[in-house]
Amino acid sequence: MSTHAPNAIPTRTTDDWEVTISDGDRRVTITWTKSPRNRLDQFLFDLFGTSRERELTLDPVGTTVWRHCDGNHTVSEIASIVAEEHDADRVEPVNETLAHFLMQLEEREIIQFDDQADE
């Protein structure tokens, strides 16, 4: 796992996502194709006929984060938006919670970071 500075800019790597309303909450469902990490993964995908298509449905907090991973917001800005729009009990400590979530998205290769140099 990598960590990124507050001024890093997360950007979605897939355009295959949709917004739905569930119980009055906005939720995003992301669809992407998982790439094998190595030859063993490739072999196991083929051996078991495993689908590479993946789907992830985000809760309202994750949806807020995803919507702002547009290449225009820094990690720090997204943290501020999340803190403003969601209950503190759900997201505190917001910086740590956000960093962990963004790392999970990065591991799935559905976001990438542009690490901006400190000015």
N, C-alpha and C. Protein backbone atom coordinates (compact mmCIF):
# COMPACT_ATOMS: atom_id res chain seq x y z
N MET A 1 0.83 -1.18 0.00
CA MET A 1 0.00 0.00 0.00
C MET A 1 0.87 1.23 0.00
N SER A 2 0.41 2.23 -0.69
CA SER A 2 1.14 3.50 -0.68
C SER A 2 0.31 4.54 0.04
N THR A 3 0.97 5.58 0.45
CA THR A 3 0.27 6.69 1.06
C THR A 3 0.51 7.91 0.20
N HIS A 4 -0.39 8.85 0.27
CA HIS A 4 -0.30 10.03 -0.58
C HIS A 4 -0.48 11.28 0.25
N ALA A 5 0.21 12.31 -0.15
CA ALA A 5 0.14 13.59 0.54
C ALA A 5 -1.26 14.18 0.41
N PRO A 6 -1.61 15.06 1.34
CA PRO A 6 -2.92 15.71 1.27
C PRO A 6 -3.17 16.46 -0.03
N ASN A 7 -2.08 16.85 -0.72
CA ASN A 7 -2.27 17.59 -1.97
C ASN A 7 -2.26 16.67 -3.20
N ALA A 8 -2.23 15.33 -2.99
CA ALA A 8 -2.34 14.40 -4.10
C ALA A 8 -3.75 14.47 -4.67
N ILE A 9 -3.86 14.22 -5.96
CA ILE A 9 -5.16 14.32 -6.64
C ILE A 9 -5.57 12.94 -7.14
N PRO A 10 -6.61 12.34 -6.51
CA PRO A 10 -7.10 11.05 -7.00
C PRO A 10 -8.00 11.22 -8.21
N THR A 11 -7.81 10.33 -9.18
CA THR A 11 -8.58 10.39 -10.42
C THR A 11 -9.11 9.00 -10.75
N ARG A 12 -10.38 8.92 -11.10
CA ARG A 12 -10.99 7.64 -11.50
C ARG A 12 -10.31 7.11 -12.76
N THR A 13 -10.13 5.80 -12.83
CA THR A 13 -9.56 5.18 -14.03
C THR A 13 -10.61 4.45 -14.84
N THR A 14 -11.85 4.50 -14.41
CA THR A 14 -12.95 3.88 -15.16
C THR A 14 -14.10 4.86 -15.28
N ASP A 15 -14.77 4.79 -16.40
CA ASP A 15 -15.97 5.60 -16.62
C ASP A 15 -17.22 4.76 -16.48
N ASP A 16 -17.05 3.49 -16.11
CA ASP A 16 -18.16 2.55 -16.03
C ASP A 16 -18.72 2.53 -14.61
N TRP A 17 -19.56 3.52 -14.30
CA TRP A 17 -20.20 3.59 -13.00
C TRP A 17 -21.54 4.28 -13.15
N GLU A 18 -22.43 3.96 -12.21
CA GLU A 18 -23.76 4.56 -12.25
C GLU A 18 -24.20 4.92 -10.84
N VAL A 19 -25.07 5.91 -10.77
CA VAL A 19 -25.62 6.38 -9.51
C VAL A 19 -27.04 5.88 -9.40
N THR A 20 -27.36 5.32 -8.22
CA THR A 20 -28.73 4.89 -7.93
C THR A 20 -29.14 5.49 -6.59
N ILE A 21 -30.43 5.48 -6.32
CA ILE A 21 -30.96 5.93 -5.04
C ILE A 21 -31.49 4.71 -4.32
N SER A 22 -31.01 4.49 -3.09
CA SER A 22 -31.45 3.35 -2.29
C SER A 22 -31.77 3.86 -0.89
N ASP A 23 -33.00 3.67 -0.46
CA ASP A 23 -33.46 4.15 0.85
C ASP A 23 -33.18 5.64 1.04
N GLY A 24 -33.35 6.39 -0.03
CA GLY A 24 -33.15 7.83 0.02
C GLY A 24 -31.70 8.28 -0.06
N ASP A 25 -30.76 7.32 -0.12
CA ASP A 25 -29.34 7.66 -0.20
C ASP A 25 -28.82 7.42 -1.60
N ARG A 26 -27.96 8.32 -2.04
CA ARG A 26 -27.30 8.17 -3.33
C ARG A 26 -26.16 7.17 -3.18
N ARG A 27 -26.10 6.21 -4.12
CA ARG A 27 -25.04 5.20 -4.10
C ARG A 27 -24.47 5.04 -5.50
N VAL A 28 -23.18 4.79 -5.56
CA VAL A 28 -22.49 4.56 -6.83
C VAL A 28 -22.14 3.09 -6.92
N THR A 29 -22.37 2.51 -8.10
CA THR A 29 -21.92 1.16 -8.39
C THR A 29 -20.89 1.26 -9.50
N ILE A 30 -19.69 0.75 -9.22
CA ILE A 30 -18.56 0.80 -10.15
C ILE A 30 -18.37 -0.59 -10.74
N THR A 31 -18.16 -0.64 -12.04
CA THR A 31 -17.87 -1.91 -12.71
C THR A 31 -16.50 -1.77 -13.38
N TRP A 32 -15.64 -2.78 -13.19
CA TRP A 32 -14.33 -2.75 -13.82
C TRP A 32 -13.87 -4.18 -14.10
N THR A 33 -12.85 -4.30 -14.92
CA THR A 33 -12.27 -5.59 -15.26
C THR A 33 -10.98 -5.77 -14.46
N LYS A 34 -10.93 -6.84 -13.69
CA LYS A 34 -9.74 -7.13 -12.89
C LYS A 34 -8.68 -7.74 -13.79
N SER A 35 -7.48 -7.21 -13.70
CA SER A 35 -6.35 -7.74 -14.45
C SER A 35 -5.57 -8.71 -13.59
N PRO A 36 -5.12 -9.81 -14.16
CA PRO A 36 -4.27 -10.72 -13.39
C PRO A 36 -2.97 -10.02 -13.02
N ARG A 37 -2.51 -10.23 -11.78
CA ARG A 37 -1.28 -9.59 -11.31
C ARG A 37 -0.04 -10.31 -11.78
N ASN A 38 -0.19 -11.59 -12.11
CA ASN A 38 0.97 -12.39 -12.52
C ASN A 38 0.48 -13.61 -13.28
N ARG A 39 1.41 -14.49 -13.66
CA ARG A 39 1.03 -15.67 -14.44
C ARG A 39 0.18 -16.65 -13.64
N LEU A 40 0.44 -16.74 -12.34
CA LEU A 40 -0.37 -17.63 -11.50
C LEU A 40 -1.83 -17.15 -11.48
N ASP A 41 -2.04 -15.85 -11.30
CA ASP A 41 -3.41 -15.31 -11.37
C ASP A 41 -4.05 -15.66 -12.70
N GLN A 42 -3.31 -15.44 -13.79
CA GLN A 42 -3.83 -15.72 -15.13
C GLN A 42 -4.24 -17.19 -15.23
N PHE A 43 -3.37 -18.09 -14.75
CA PHE A 43 -3.65 -19.52 -14.79
C PHE A 43 -4.91 -19.85 -13.99
N LEU A 44 -5.03 -19.27 -12.78
CA LEU A 44 -6.19 -19.58 -11.94
C LEU A 44 -7.48 -19.01 -12.52
N PHE A 45 -7.41 -17.81 -13.11
CA PHE A 45 -8.58 -17.26 -13.78
C PHE A 45 -9.05 -18.22 -14.87
N ASP A 46 -8.09 -18.68 -15.67
CA ASP A 46 -8.43 -19.58 -16.78
C ASP A 46 -8.89 -20.95 -16.29
N LEU A 47 -8.18 -21.50 -15.29
CA LEU A 47 -8.50 -22.83 -14.78
C LEU A 47 -9.92 -22.90 -14.23
N PHE A 48 -10.29 -21.91 -13.45
CA PHE A 48 -11.60 -21.93 -12.80
C PHE A 48 -12.67 -21.15 -13.56
N GLY A 49 -12.30 -20.59 -14.70
CA GLY A 49 -13.26 -19.84 -15.49
C GLY A 49 -13.82 -18.65 -14.74
N THR A 50 -12.97 -18.04 -13.93
CA THR A 50 -13.39 -16.91 -13.10
C THR A 50 -13.62 -15.67 -13.95
N SER A 51 -14.74 -15.04 -13.74
CA SER A 51 -15.02 -13.80 -14.45
C SER A 51 -14.08 -12.71 -13.94
N ARG A 52 -13.62 -11.89 -14.85
CA ARG A 52 -12.76 -10.77 -14.46
C ARG A 52 -13.57 -9.51 -14.21
N GLU A 53 -14.83 -9.57 -14.53
CA GLU A 53 -15.69 -8.42 -14.28
C GLU A 53 -15.97 -8.30 -12.79
N ARG A 54 -15.79 -7.11 -12.26
CA ARG A 54 -16.02 -6.86 -10.85
C ARG A 54 -17.01 -5.70 -10.71
N GLU A 55 -17.74 -5.73 -9.61
CA GLU A 55 -18.72 -4.69 -9.32
C GLU A 55 -18.61 -4.33 -7.85
N LEU A 56 -18.64 -3.05 -7.57
CA LEU A 56 -18.52 -2.55 -6.21
C LEU A 56 -19.58 -1.47 -6.00
N THR A 57 -20.44 -1.66 -5.00
CA THR A 57 -21.45 -0.66 -4.67
C THR A 57 -21.00 0.06 -3.41
N LEU A 58 -20.92 1.37 -3.50
CA LEU A 58 -20.43 2.20 -2.40
C LEU A 58 -21.57 2.72 -1.55
N ASP A 59 -21.30 2.87 -0.26
CA ASP A 59 -22.26 3.49 0.64
C ASP A 59 -22.26 5.00 0.39
N PRO A 60 -23.11 5.77 1.08
CA PRO A 60 -23.18 7.21 0.82
C PRO A 60 -21.84 7.95 1.01
N VAL A 61 -21.05 7.55 2.00
CA VAL A 61 -19.75 8.21 2.21
C VAL A 61 -18.83 7.88 1.04
N GLY A 62 -18.75 6.61 0.67
CA GLY A 62 -17.92 6.20 -0.46
C GLY A 62 -18.37 6.88 -1.75
N THR A 63 -19.67 7.05 -1.90
CA THR A 63 -20.21 7.73 -3.07
C THR A 63 -19.72 9.17 -3.13
N THR A 64 -19.73 9.86 -1.99
CA THR A 64 -19.23 11.23 -1.95
C THR A 64 -17.77 11.28 -2.37
N VAL A 65 -16.98 10.36 -1.84
CA VAL A 65 -15.56 10.31 -2.19
C VAL A 65 -15.40 10.06 -3.69
N TRP A 66 -16.08 9.04 -4.20
CA TRP A 66 -15.96 8.67 -5.61
C TRP A 66 -16.32 9.83 -6.53
N ARG A 67 -17.40 10.52 -6.22
CA ARG A 67 -17.83 11.64 -7.06
C ARG A 67 -16.78 12.73 -7.13
N HIS A 68 -15.95 12.84 -6.10
CA HIS A 68 -14.93 13.89 -6.07
C HIS A 68 -13.54 13.42 -6.49
N CYS A 69 -13.42 12.15 -6.86
CA CYS A 69 -12.16 11.63 -7.44
C CYS A 69 -12.19 11.91 -8.94
N ASP A 70 -12.32 13.17 -9.27
CA ASP A 70 -12.52 13.58 -10.66
C ASP A 70 -11.30 14.26 -11.26
N GLY A 71 -10.18 14.25 -10.54
CA GLY A 71 -8.98 14.91 -11.03
C GLY A 71 -8.94 16.39 -10.74
N ASN A 72 -9.96 16.90 -10.05
CA ASN A 72 -10.03 18.32 -9.73
C ASN A 72 -9.94 18.62 -8.24
N HIS A 73 -9.96 17.57 -7.41
CA HIS A 73 -9.96 17.75 -5.96
C HIS A 73 -8.77 17.01 -5.34
N THR A 74 -8.12 17.66 -4.39
CA THR A 74 -7.04 17.00 -3.67
C THR A 74 -7.62 16.11 -2.57
N VAL A 75 -6.78 15.26 -2.01
CA VAL A 75 -7.21 14.41 -0.89
C VAL A 75 -7.71 15.29 0.25
N SER A 76 -7.01 16.37 0.53
CA SER A 76 -7.40 17.28 1.60
C SER A 76 -8.78 17.90 1.34
N GLU A 77 -9.02 18.30 0.12
CA GLU A 77 -10.33 18.88 -0.23
C GLU A 77 -11.44 17.85 -0.09
N ILE A 78 -11.17 16.62 -0.52
CA ILE A 78 -12.18 15.56 -0.39
C ILE A 78 -12.46 15.29 1.08
N ALA A 79 -11.43 15.28 1.92
CA ALA A 79 -11.63 15.07 3.36
C ALA A 79 -12.53 16.15 3.94
N SER A 80 -12.34 17.38 3.54
CA SER A 80 -13.19 18.48 4.02
C SER A 80 -14.63 18.30 3.57
N ILE A 81 -14.83 17.89 2.32
CA ILE A 81 -16.19 17.68 1.80
C ILE A 81 -16.87 16.56 2.57
N VAL A 82 -16.16 15.46 2.78
CA VAL A 82 -16.72 14.32 3.52
C VAL A 82 -17.10 14.74 4.93
N ALA A 83 -16.24 15.49 5.60
CA ALA A 83 -16.51 15.95 6.96
C ALA A 83 -17.73 16.85 7.02
N GLU A 84 -17.92 17.68 5.99
CA GLU A 84 -19.06 18.59 5.95
C GLU A 84 -20.38 17.87 5.66
N GLU A 85 -20.33 16.86 4.79
CA GLU A 85 -21.55 16.24 4.31
C GLU A 85 -22.02 15.02 5.10
N HIS A 86 -21.17 14.47 5.99
CA HIS A 86 -21.52 13.23 6.67
C HIS A 86 -21.33 13.34 8.17
N ASP A 87 -22.05 12.50 8.88
CA ASP A 87 -22.01 12.46 10.33
C ASP A 87 -20.60 12.14 10.82
N ALA A 88 -20.10 12.92 11.77
CA ALA A 88 -18.75 12.76 12.30
C ALA A 88 -18.54 11.36 12.88
N ASP A 89 -19.56 10.79 13.53
CA ASP A 89 -19.42 9.44 14.09
C ASP A 89 -19.12 8.40 13.01
N ARG A 90 -19.58 8.67 11.81
CA ARG A 90 -19.39 7.73 10.70
C ARG A 90 -18.02 7.85 10.06
N VAL A 91 -17.45 9.06 10.03
CA VAL A 91 -16.24 9.29 9.24
C VAL A 91 -14.99 9.64 10.04
N GLU A 92 -15.13 9.94 11.32
CA GLU A 92 -13.95 10.32 12.11
C GLU A 92 -13.11 9.12 12.46
N PRO A 93 -11.82 9.19 12.46
CA PRO A 93 -11.01 10.34 12.00
C PRO A 93 -11.00 10.39 10.47
N VAL A 94 -11.49 11.47 9.93
CA VAL A 94 -11.76 11.55 8.49
C VAL A 94 -10.50 11.36 7.65
N ASN A 95 -9.38 11.93 8.05
CA ASN A 95 -8.17 11.79 7.22
C ASN A 95 -7.70 10.34 7.15
N GLU A 96 -7.72 9.63 8.27
CA GLU A 96 -7.30 8.23 8.28
C GLU A 96 -8.30 7.34 7.55
N THR A 97 -9.58 7.59 7.79
CA THR A 97 -10.62 6.80 7.13
C THR A 97 -10.55 6.98 5.62
N LEU A 98 -10.40 8.22 5.18
CA LEU A 98 -10.32 8.52 3.75
C LEU A 98 -9.07 7.90 3.14
N ALA A 99 -7.93 8.03 3.81
CA ALA A 99 -6.69 7.46 3.28
C ALA A 99 -6.82 5.96 3.08
N HIS A 100 -7.41 5.28 4.05
CA HIS A 100 -7.59 3.83 3.94
C HIS A 100 -8.50 3.48 2.77
N PHE A 101 -9.61 4.19 2.64
CA PHE A 101 -10.54 3.93 1.55
C PHE A 101 -9.90 4.18 0.19
N LEU A 102 -9.18 5.29 0.06
CA LEU A 102 -8.54 5.60 -1.22
C LEU A 102 -7.49 4.55 -1.57
N MET A 103 -6.77 4.05 -0.58
CA MET A 103 -5.79 2.99 -0.85
C MET A 103 -6.48 1.72 -1.35
N GLN A 104 -7.67 1.41 -0.80
CA GLN A 104 -8.41 0.24 -1.29
C GLN A 104 -8.82 0.42 -2.75
N LEU A 105 -9.28 1.62 -3.09
CA LEU A 105 -9.65 1.89 -4.49
C LEU A 105 -8.42 1.81 -5.40
N GLU A 106 -7.30 2.32 -4.92
CA GLU A 106 -6.07 2.28 -5.71
C GLU A 106 -5.60 0.84 -5.91
N GLU A 107 -5.70 0.01 -4.88
CA GLU A 107 -5.31 -1.40 -5.00
C GLU A 107 -6.16 -2.12 -6.05
N ARG A 108 -7.41 -1.72 -6.18
CA ARG A 108 -8.29 -2.32 -7.18
C ARG A 108 -8.07 -1.70 -8.56
N GLU A 109 -7.18 -0.72 -8.62
CA GLU A 109 -6.82 -0.02 -9.85
C GLU A 109 -8.00 0.71 -10.49
N ILE A 110 -8.88 1.25 -9.63
CA ILE A 110 -10.00 2.03 -10.17
C ILE A 110 -9.84 3.52 -9.89
N ILE A 111 -8.76 3.88 -9.17
CA ILE A 111 -8.31 5.27 -9.11
C ILE A 111 -6.79 5.25 -9.21
N GLN A 112 -6.26 6.41 -9.57
CA GLN A 112 -4.82 6.61 -9.55
C GLN A 112 -4.57 8.00 -8.99
N PHE A 113 -3.35 8.25 -8.59
CA PHE A 113 -3.01 9.51 -7.97
C PHE A 113 -2.03 10.30 -8.81
N ASP A 114 -2.27 11.60 -8.85
CA ASP A 114 -1.30 12.54 -9.39
C ASP A 114 -0.74 13.24 -8.16
N ASP A 115 0.48 12.90 -7.75
CA ASP A 115 1.08 13.51 -6.58
C ASP A 115 1.66 14.85 -6.93
N GLN A 116 1.00 15.89 -6.47
CA GLN A 116 1.44 17.26 -6.74
C GLN A 116 2.60 17.62 -5.84
N ALA A 117 3.58 18.30 -6.35
CA ALA A 117 4.71 18.77 -5.54
C ALA A 117 4.24 19.91 -4.65
N ASP A 118 4.76 19.93 -3.41
CA ASP A 118 4.40 21.01 -2.50
C ASP A 118 4.94 22.32 -3.05
N GLU A 119 4.12 23.32 -2.99
CA GLU A 119 4.53 24.64 -3.48
C GLU A 119 4.94 25.50 -2.32
